[in-house]
C-alpha atoms as a PDB file:
ATOM      1  CA  MET A   1     -32.499 115.018 -46.404  1.00  0.00           C
ATOM      2  CA  GLU A   2     -35.196 112.353 -46.148  1.00  0.00           C
ATOM      3  CA  GLU A   3     -38.966 112.353 -46.350  1.00  0.00           C
ATOM      4  CA  ILE A   4     -41.173 111.645 -43.322  1.00  0.00           C
ATOM      5  CA  ASP A   5     -44.931 111.260 -43.897  1.00  0.00           C
ATOM      6  CA  GLY A   6     -44.598 113.096 -47.205  1.00  0.00           C
ATOM      7  CA  ARG A   7     -42.680 116.036 -45.704  1.00  0.00           C
ATOM      8  CA  PRO A   8     -39.025 116.868 -46.532  1.00  0.00           C
ATOM      9  CA  ALA A   9     -36.893 116.615 -43.395  1.00  0.00           C
ATOM     10  CA  TYR A  10     -33.297 117.094 -42.324  1.00  0.00           C
ATOM     11  CA  LEU A  11     -31.740 113.974 -40.782  1.00  0.00           C
ATOM     12  CA  LEU A  12     -29.483 114.724 -37.808  1.00  0.00           C
ATOM     13  CA  GLU A  13     -27.399 112.045 -36.096  1.00  0.00           C
ATOM     14  CA  THR A  14     -25.993 112.541 -32.606  1.00  0.00           C
ATOM     15  CA  SER A  15     -23.846 110.602 -30.170  1.00  0.00           C
ATOM     16  CA  PRO A  16     -22.474 111.481 -26.732  1.00  0.00           C
ATOM     17  CA  LYS A  17     -18.833 112.366 -26.286  1.00  0.00           C
ATOM     18  CA  GLU A  18     -16.951 109.245 -25.228  1.00  0.00           C
ATOM     19  CA  GLU A  19     -15.089 110.980 -22.410  1.00  0.00           C
ATOM     20  CA  GLU A  20     -18.270 112.222 -20.741  1.00  0.00           C
ATOM     21  CA  GLU A  21     -19.415 110.358 -17.632  1.00  0.00           C
ATOM     22  CA  GLY A  22     -22.731 110.255 -15.838  1.00  0.00           C
ATOM     23  CA  PHE A  23     -26.276 109.516 -16.902  1.00  0.00           C
ATOM     24  CA  LYS A  24     -26.717 108.850 -20.611  1.00  0.00           C
ATOM     25  CA  LEU A  25     -30.213 108.666 -22.004  1.00  0.00           C
ATOM     26  CA  ALA A  26     -28.928 106.970 -25.172  1.00  0.00           C
ATOM     27  CA  ASP A  27     -25.682 106.118 -26.920  1.00  0.00           C
ATOM     28  CA  GLY A  28     -26.906 107.461 -30.230  1.00  0.00           C
ATOM     29  CA  MET A  29     -29.875 109.263 -31.696  1.00  0.00           C
ATOM     30  CA  LYS A  30     -31.310 110.182 -35.068  1.00  0.00           C
ATOM     31  CA  ILE A  31     -33.715 113.092 -35.383  1.00  0.00           C
ATOM     32  CA  TRP A  32     -35.649 114.068 -38.505  1.00  0.00           C
ATOM     33  CA  VAL A  33     -36.558 117.783 -38.485  1.00  0.00           C
ATOM     34  CA  ASP A  34     -39.231 119.184 -40.805  1.00  0.00           C
ATOM     35  CA  LYS A  35     -37.629 121.473 -43.396  1.00  0.00           C
ATOM     36  CA  GLU A  36     -40.478 123.999 -43.334  1.00  0.00           C
ATOM     37  CA  THR A  37     -41.530 124.138 -39.663  1.00  0.00           C
ATOM     38  CA  TRP A  38     -38.369 122.918 -37.881  1.00  0.00           C
ATOM     39  CA  MET A  39     -40.576 120.558 -35.865  1.00  0.00           C
ATOM     40  CA  PRO A  40     -39.046 117.160 -35.053  1.00  0.00           C
ATOM     41  CA  LEU A  41     -40.977 114.511 -37.010  1.00  0.00           C
ATOM     42  CA  ARG A  42     -39.161 111.333 -35.984  1.00  0.00           C
ATOM     43  CA  TYR A  43     -36.738 110.191 -33.269  1.00  0.00           C
ATOM     44  CA  GLU A  44     -34.725 106.993 -32.997  1.00  0.00           C
ATOM     45  CA  MET A  45     -32.581 106.171 -29.947  1.00  0.00           C
ATOM     46  CA  TYR A  46     -29.883 103.493 -29.880  1.00  0.00           C
ATOM     47  CA  ASP A  47     -28.037 101.636 -27.119  1.00  0.00           C
ATOM     48  CA  SER A  48     -24.275 101.080 -26.918  1.00  0.00           C
ATOM     49  CA  ASP A  49     -24.548  98.031 -29.232  1.00  0.00           C
ATOM     50  CA  GLY A  50     -26.256 100.143 -31.907  1.00  0.00           C
ATOM     51  CA  ASP A  51     -29.622  98.451 -31.325  1.00  0.00           C
ATOM     52  CA  LEU A  52     -32.778 100.534 -31.675  1.00  0.00           C
ATOM     53  CA  VAL A  53     -34.336 101.000 -28.216  1.00  0.00           C
ATOM     54  CA  MET A  54     -36.974 103.645 -28.933  1.00  0.00           C
ATOM     55  CA  GLU A  55     -38.624 105.222 -31.923  1.00  0.00           C
ATOM     56  CA  LEU A  56     -41.247 107.913 -32.180  1.00  0.00           C
ATOM     57  CA  GLU A  57     -42.813 109.344 -35.315  1.00  0.00           C
ATOM     58  CA  ILE A  58     -45.311 112.159 -35.780  1.00  0.00           C
ATOM     59  CA  HIS A  59     -47.940 111.730 -38.502  1.00  0.00           C
ATOM     60  CA  ASP A  60     -50.414 114.194 -40.007  1.00  0.00           C
ATOM     61  CA  LEU A  61     -48.577 117.240 -38.635  1.00  0.00           C
ATOM     62  CA  GLU A  62     -50.771 120.336 -38.654  1.00  0.00           C
ATOM     63  CA  ILE A  63     -49.583 123.756 -37.536  1.00  0.00           C
ATOM     64  CA  ASN A  64     -51.443 126.984 -36.803  1.00  0.00           C
ATOM     65  CA  THR A  65     -54.833 125.277 -36.558  1.00  0.00           C
ATOM     66  CA  GLY A  66     -56.577 128.186 -34.836  1.00  0.00           C
ATOM     67  CA  ILE A  67     -55.839 127.325 -31.197  1.00  0.00           C
ATOM     68  CA  GLN A  68     -55.134 130.476 -29.199  1.00  0.00           C
ATOM     69  CA  ASP A  69     -51.547 130.867 -27.878  1.00  0.00           C
ATOM     70  CA  SER A  70     -52.981 131.387 -24.374  1.00  0.00           C
ATOM     71  CA  GLU A  71     -53.899 127.665 -24.312  1.00  0.00           C
ATOM     72  CA  PHE A  72     -50.174 126.856 -24.228  1.00  0.00           C
ATOM     73  CA  VAL A  73     -49.138 129.076 -21.318  1.00  0.00           C
ATOM     74  CA  PHE A  74     -47.957 126.945 -18.396  1.00  0.00           C
ATOM     75  CA  GLU A  75     -49.201 128.048 -15.014  1.00  0.00           C
ATOM     76  CA  VAL A  76     -47.871 126.323 -11.928  1.00  0.00           C
ATOM     77  CA  PRO A  77     -50.848 124.886 -10.019  1.00  0.00           C
ATOM     78  CA  GLU A  78     -51.437 126.224  -6.529  1.00  0.00           C
ATOM     79  CA  GLY A  79     -49.444 124.246  -3.968  1.00  0.00           C
ATOM     80  CA  ALA A  80     -47.096 122.756  -6.576  1.00  0.00           C
ATOM     81  CA  THR A  81     -43.330 123.188  -6.537  1.00  0.00           C
ATOM     82  CA  VAL A  82     -41.218 123.431  -9.687  1.00  0.00           C
ATOM     83  CA  LYS A  83     -37.902 121.561  -9.483  1.00  0.00           C
ATOM     84  CA  THR A  84     -35.026 121.591 -11.939  1.00  0.00           C
ATOM     85  CA  VAL A  85     -33.399 118.186 -12.406  1.00  0.00           C
ATOM     86  CA  ASP A  86     -29.649 118.076 -12.919  1.00  0.00           C
ATOM     87  CA  LEU A  87     -29.152 115.085 -15.257  1.00  0.00           C
ATOM     88  CA  ASP A  88     -25.383 115.150 -14.642  1.00  0.00           C
ATOM     89  CA  SER A  89     -25.961 114.138 -11.026  1.00  0.00           C
ATOM     90  CA  PHE A  90     -28.818 111.715 -11.833  1.00  0.00           C
ATOM     91  CA  LYS A  91     -27.832 108.104 -11.238  1.00  0.00           C
ATOM     92  CA  LEU A  92     -29.903 104.999 -11.845  1.00  0.00           C
ATOM     93  CA  PRO A  93     -30.133 102.627  -8.878  1.00  0.00           C
ATOM     94  CA  GLU A  94     -27.649  99.772  -9.043  1.00  0.00           C
ATOM     95  CA  LYS A  95     -30.282  97.186  -8.203  1.00  0.00           C
ATOM     96  CA  ASN A  96     -34.007  97.508  -7.844  1.00  0.00           C
ATOM     97  CA  ASP A  97     -36.829  95.032  -7.420  1.00  0.00           C
ATOM     98  CA  LEU A  98     -40.532  95.136  -6.624  1.00  0.00           C
ATOM     99  CA  ARG A  99     -40.093  94.615  -2.856  1.00  0.00           C
ATOM    100  CA  ARG A 100     -37.528  97.423  -2.577  1.00  0.00           C
ATOM    101  CA  SER A 101     -39.789  99.756  -4.572  1.00  0.00           C
ATOM    102  CA  GLN A 102     -42.774  98.885  -2.370  1.00  0.00           C
ATOM    103  CA  ARG A 103     -40.698  99.529   0.778  1.00  0.00           C
ATOM    104  CA  ILE A 104     -39.510 102.910  -0.530  1.00  0.00           C
ATOM    105  CA  CYS A 105     -43.094 103.890  -1.398  1.00  0.00           C
ATOM    106  CA  GLY A 106     -44.437 102.650   1.935  1.00  0.00           C
ATOM    107  CA  ILE A 107     -46.649  99.989   0.365  1.00  0.00           C
END
């Protein structure tokens, strides 16, 4: 347990299984989850050297502020296509530079 912005939170630490291959978003992560609402309040992501590469923290959390649930219903816009991304098959390019990106985009 730790406190984030005056709220008691559970601290969870995660790391990927060493034997797993493929795309890894991070080599370690800490997540603080609000004890009352179960909303994540803080994230920290670490690289393979244990260095912090990203952090995000939510302040002044307010819940049930009177916004109707219908405001949060996702509707696919006309003409749009929904795709599911398989992160296991996602691979970062080995080498990329501005000229290659411009060529791919037709610029």
